[in-house]
C-alpha atoms as a PDB file:
ATOM      1  CA  UNK A   1      90.328  93.330  89.763  1.00  0.00           C
ATOM      2  CA  UNK A   2      87.442  92.074  91.860  1.00  0.00           C
ATOM      3  CA  UNK A   3      86.667  94.865  94.322  1.00  0.00           C
ATOM      4  CA  UNK A   4      85.892  92.429  97.150  1.00  0.00           C
ATOM      5  CA  UNK A   5      89.354  90.871  96.823  1.00  0.00           C
ATOM      6  CA  UNK A   6      90.991  94.302  96.569  1.00  0.00           C
ATOM      7  CA  UNK A   7      89.280  95.520  99.750  1.00  0.00           C
ATOM      8  CA  UNK A   8      90.082  92.268 101.548  1.00  0.00           C
ATOM      9  CA  UNK A   9      93.745  92.383 100.573  1.00  0.00           C
ATOM     10  CA  UNK A  10      94.071  96.038 101.573  1.00  0.00           C
ATOM     11  CA  UNK A  11      92.230  95.521 104.851  1.00  0.00           C
ATOM     12  CA  UNK A  12      94.440  92.558 105.809  1.00  0.00           C
ATOM     13  CA  UNK A  13      97.623  94.439 104.856  1.00  0.00           C
ATOM     14  CA  UNK A  14      96.655  97.572 106.781  1.00  0.00           C
ATOM     15  CA  UNK A  15      95.552  95.544 109.809  1.00  0.00           C
ATOM     16  CA  UNK A  16      98.904  93.742 109.896  1.00  0.00           C
ATOM     17  CA  UNK A  17     100.820  97.028 109.400  1.00  0.00           C
ATOM     18  CA  UNK A  18      99.024  98.348 112.499  1.00  0.00           C
ATOM     19  CA  UNK A  19      99.909  95.091 114.357  1.00  0.00           C
ATOM     20  CA  UNK A  20      96.233  94.417 115.051  1.00  0.00           C
ATOM     21  CA  UNK A  21      94.501  91.055 115.268  1.00  0.00           C
ATOM     22  CA  UNK A  22      91.051  90.498 113.818  1.00  0.00           C
ATOM     23  CA  UNK A  23      89.796  90.274 117.398  1.00  0.00           C
ATOM     24  CA  UNK A  24      91.225  93.711 118.200  1.00  0.00           C
ATOM     25  CA  UNK A  25      89.557  95.188 115.115  1.00  0.00           C
ATOM     26  CA  UNK A  26      86.339  93.455 116.203  1.00  0.00           C
ATOM     27  CA  UNK A  27      86.511  95.323 119.513  1.00  0.00           C
ATOM     28  CA  UNK A  28      87.279  98.639 117.811  1.00  0.00           C
ATOM     29  CA  UNK A  29      84.705  98.336 115.021  1.00  0.00           C
ATOM     30  CA  UNK A  30      81.883  96.163 116.306  1.00  0.00           C
ATOM     31  CA  UNK A  31      82.151  93.851 113.271  1.00  0.00           C
ATOM     32  CA  UNK A  32      82.529  90.190 114.209  1.00  0.00           C
ATOM     33  CA  UNK A  33      85.801  88.342 113.742  1.00  0.00           C
ATOM     34  CA  UNK A  34      83.942  86.003 111.369  1.00  0.00           C
ATOM     35  CA  UNK A  35      82.858  88.969 109.219  1.00  0.00           C
ATOM     36  CA  UNK A  36      86.396  90.369 109.191  1.00  0.00           C
ATOM     37  CA  UNK A  37      87.801  86.978 108.195  1.00  0.00           C
ATOM     38  CA  UNK A  38      85.342  86.743 105.306  1.00  0.00           C
ATOM     39  CA  UNK A  39      86.204  90.284 104.291  1.00  0.00           C
ATOM     40  CA  UNK A  40      89.924  89.487 104.173  1.00  0.00           C
ATOM     41  CA  UNK A  41      89.223  86.419 102.034  1.00  0.00           C
ATOM     42  CA  UNK A  42      87.224  88.500  99.552  1.00  0.00           C
ATOM     43  CA  UNK A  43      83.918  86.861 100.433  1.00  0.00           C
ATOM     44  CA  UNK A  44      82.139  89.970 101.738  1.00  0.00           C
ATOM     45  CA  UNK A  45      80.775  92.916  99.793  1.00  0.00           C
ATOM     46  CA  UNK A  46      81.018  95.813 102.264  1.00  0.00           C
ATOM     47  CA  UNK A  47      78.907  98.937 101.955  1.00  0.00           C
ATOM     48  CA  UNK A  48      80.432 102.396 101.784  1.00  0.00           C
ATOM     49  CA  UNK A  49      79.443 102.943 105.410  1.00  0.00           C
ATOM     50  CA  UNK A  50      81.141  99.671 106.421  1.00  0.00           C
ATOM     51  CA  UNK A  51      84.319 100.711 104.592  1.00  0.00           C
ATOM     52  CA  UNK A  52      84.300 104.025 106.440  1.00  0.00           C
ATOM     53  CA  UNK A  53      83.775 102.364 109.840  1.00  0.00           C
ATOM     54  CA  UNK A  54      86.499  99.778 109.203  1.00  0.00           C
ATOM     55  CA  UNK A  55      88.908 102.513 108.117  1.00  0.00           C
ATOM     56  CA  UNK A  56      88.140 104.416 111.322  1.00  0.00           C
ATOM     57  CA  UNK A  57      88.890 101.290 113.357  1.00  0.00           C
ATOM     58  CA  UNK A  58      92.255 100.960 111.595  1.00  0.00           C
ATOM     59  CA  UNK A  59      93.056 104.670 111.782  1.00  0.00           C
ATOM     60  CA  UNK A  60      93.364 105.037 107.998  1.00  0.00           C
ATOM     61  CA  UNK A  61      91.427 106.725 105.206  1.00  0.00           C
ATOM     62  CA  UNK A  62      88.534 104.803 103.668  1.00  0.00           C
ATOM     63  CA  UNK A  63      90.257 105.422 100.327  1.00  0.00           C
ATOM     64  CA  UNK A  64      93.140 103.205 101.491  1.00  0.00           C
ATOM     65  CA  UNK A  65      90.777 100.228 101.505  1.00  0.00           C
ATOM     66  CA  UNK A  66      89.858 100.596  97.822  1.00  0.00           C
ATOM     67  CA  UNK A  67      93.150 101.869  96.402  1.00  0.00           C
ATOM     68  CA  UNK A  68      94.841  99.507  93.955  1.00  0.00           C
ATOM     69  CA  UNK A  69      98.559  99.267  94.611  1.00  0.00           C
ATOM     70  CA  UNK A  70     100.640  99.623  91.430  1.00  0.00           C
ATOM     71  CA  UNK A  71     102.865  96.683  90.584  1.00  0.00           C
ATOM     72  CA  UNK A  72     100.525  93.977  91.876  1.00  0.00           C
ATOM     73  CA  UNK A  73      99.457  91.171  89.597  1.00  0.00           C
ATOM     74  CA  UNK A  74      95.656  91.017  89.608  1.00  0.00           C
ATOM     75  CA  UNK A  75      95.519  87.217  89.545  1.00  0.00           C
ATOM     76  CA  UNK A  76      98.313  86.218  91.895  1.00  0.00           C
ATOM     77  CA  UNK A  77      98.039  89.323  94.116  1.00  0.00           C
ATOM     78  CA  UNK A  78     101.806  89.578  94.324  1.00  0.00           C
ATOM     79  CA  UNK A  79     104.353  91.923  92.770  1.00  0.00           C
ATOM     80  CA  UNK A  80     104.334  91.669  89.009  1.00  0.00           C
ATOM     81  CA  UNK A  81     107.648  91.068  87.216  1.00  0.00           C
ATOM     82  CA  UNK A  82     106.609  93.584  84.544  1.00  0.00           C
ATOM     83  CA  UNK A  83     106.539  97.340  85.150  1.00  0.00           C
ATOM     84  CA  UNK A  84     103.081  98.966  85.543  1.00  0.00           C
ATOM     85  CA  UNK A  85     101.361  99.481  82.208  1.00  0.00           C
ATOM     86  CA  UNK A  86     103.317  96.624  80.619  1.00  0.00           C
ATOM     87  CA  UNK A  87     101.331  93.724  82.074  1.00  0.00           C
ATOM     88  CA  UNK A  88      99.706  91.098  79.900  1.00  0.00           C
ATOM     89  CA  UNK A  89      96.166  91.853  78.843  1.00  0.00           C
ATOM     90  CA  UNK A  90      96.467  95.624  79.095  1.00  0.00           C
END
């Protein structure tokens, strides 16, 4: 999976789980809403320091931003109908 898309998907999911808007994360982190939007769309390539600062703003571990969730289809980014390890191309 493309790491930028993985980070963007995880960031957006975690932000929504915390009931935060991009504007609220902007205030907490100092990163612009435009940057955060690009990050969520997989258009940004954040540094390790950026990942750490964004995780701090969300109140999660930086590892949560790069962790691949099992059961997600890498192309569609939605739950796969096949069990982990049984996906096409593996």
